[in-house]
Amino acid sequence: MWNSRAQDIFDKLIKKTPIFIRSVVKDTISKKAEFFAKEDDRDQVNEKDVVDAFFIETPFGFHGPMKCDMEEFGVDYQKYGYKR
């Protein structure tokens, strides 16, 4: 249901999430990414779905650190319309 790149990014970003909220974030982000895939009538979650889910579900005040983490993992979020 998830392509390997999407799963890898998701796992790495979840590990950067504070432990006390990690399980909630993991559930929320995975459901949102899967929703995007289903909405586009795809049977597989891709990188864009994961990036979109993190940007939508992460409070704006935490976007800076999240962007740094994405850059560290080689995710070009700008190609999906998000500003640096």
Protein backbone atom coordinates (compact mmCIF):
# COMPACT_ATOMS: atom_id res chain seq x y z
CA MET A 1 0.00 0.00 0.00
CA TRP A 2 3.01 2.34 0.43
CA ASN A 3 5.89 2.62 -2.01
CA SER A 4 9.33 2.18 -0.46
CA ARG A 5 10.36 5.86 -0.76
CA ALA A 6 7.15 7.06 0.92
CA GLN A 7 7.54 4.52 3.72
CA ASP A 8 11.18 5.45 4.27
CA ILE A 9 10.40 9.18 4.51
CA PHE A 10 7.46 8.54 6.80
CA ASP A 11 9.51 6.32 9.13
CA LYS A 12 12.38 8.82 9.34
CA LEU A 13 10.11 11.78 10.03
CA ILE A 14 8.15 9.86 12.65
CA LYS A 15 11.41 9.05 14.45
CA LYS A 16 12.05 12.81 14.68
CA THR A 17 8.69 13.31 16.39
CA PRO A 18 8.78 13.66 20.18
CA ILE A 19 8.12 10.29 21.77
CA PHE A 20 5.18 11.49 23.85
CA ILE A 21 3.11 12.33 20.74
CA ARG A 22 4.66 9.90 18.28
CA SER A 23 1.86 7.31 18.24
CA VAL A 24 -0.82 9.96 17.65
CA VAL A 25 1.22 11.63 14.91
CA LYS A 26 1.98 8.29 13.27
CA ASP A 27 -1.70 7.40 13.14
CA THR A 28 -2.84 10.85 11.95
CA ILE A 29 -0.21 11.25 9.22
CA SER A 30 -0.57 7.70 7.89
CA LYS A 31 -4.35 8.03 7.64
CA LYS A 32 -4.07 11.38 5.86
CA ALA A 33 -1.46 10.05 3.37
CA GLU A 34 -3.63 7.02 2.63
CA PHE A 35 -6.64 9.31 2.19
CA PHE A 36 -4.74 11.30 -0.47
CA ALA A 37 -3.84 8.13 -2.36
CA LYS A 38 -7.43 6.88 -2.27
CA GLU A 39 -8.73 10.30 -3.27
CA ASP A 40 -6.56 10.08 -6.40
CA ASP A 41 -7.79 6.52 -7.01
CA ARG A 42 -4.34 5.02 -6.40
CA ASP A 43 -3.59 1.87 -4.46
CA GLN A 44 -0.20 3.09 -3.28
CA VAL A 45 0.91 6.01 -1.10
CA ASN A 46 3.71 8.03 -2.69
CA GLU A 47 6.17 10.68 -1.51
CA LYS A 48 3.83 13.58 -2.32
CA ASP A 49 1.09 12.04 -0.19
CA VAL A 50 3.45 11.82 2.78
CA VAL A 51 4.76 15.37 2.30
CA ASP A 52 1.23 16.76 1.94
CA ALA A 53 0.07 14.87 5.03
CA PHE A 54 2.91 16.21 7.15
CA PHE A 55 2.38 19.79 6.01
CA ILE A 56 -1.38 19.66 6.53
CA GLU A 57 -1.37 17.87 9.87
CA THR A 58 1.66 19.58 11.43
CA PRO A 59 0.94 22.88 13.18
CA PHE A 60 2.48 25.81 11.30
CA GLY A 61 4.83 26.68 14.16
CA PHE A 62 6.62 23.36 13.64
CA HIS A 63 7.00 23.60 9.85
CA GLY A 64 10.53 25.05 10.12
CA PRO A 65 12.01 22.07 11.96
CA MET A 66 9.98 19.68 9.81
CA LYS A 67 11.39 21.26 6.64
CA CYS A 68 14.92 20.90 8.02
CA ASP A 69 14.24 17.22 8.72
CA MET A 70 12.85 16.73 5.21
CA GLU A 71 15.92 18.40 3.70
CA GLU A 72 18.16 16.17 5.82
CA PHE A 73 16.39 13.13 4.34
CA GLY A 74 16.59 14.40 0.75
CA VAL A 75 12.93 15.36 0.41
CA ASP A 76 12.36 18.24 -2.01
CA TYR A 77 9.12 19.56 -0.57
CA GLN A 78 9.36 22.65 -2.80
CA LYS A 79 8.48 20.57 -5.86
CA TYR A 80 5.11 19.93 -4.20
CA GLY A 81 4.40 23.65 -3.80
CA TYR A 82 5.71 24.31 -0.32
CA LYS A 83 8.00 27.28 0.22
CA ARG A 84 11.35 27.11 1.88
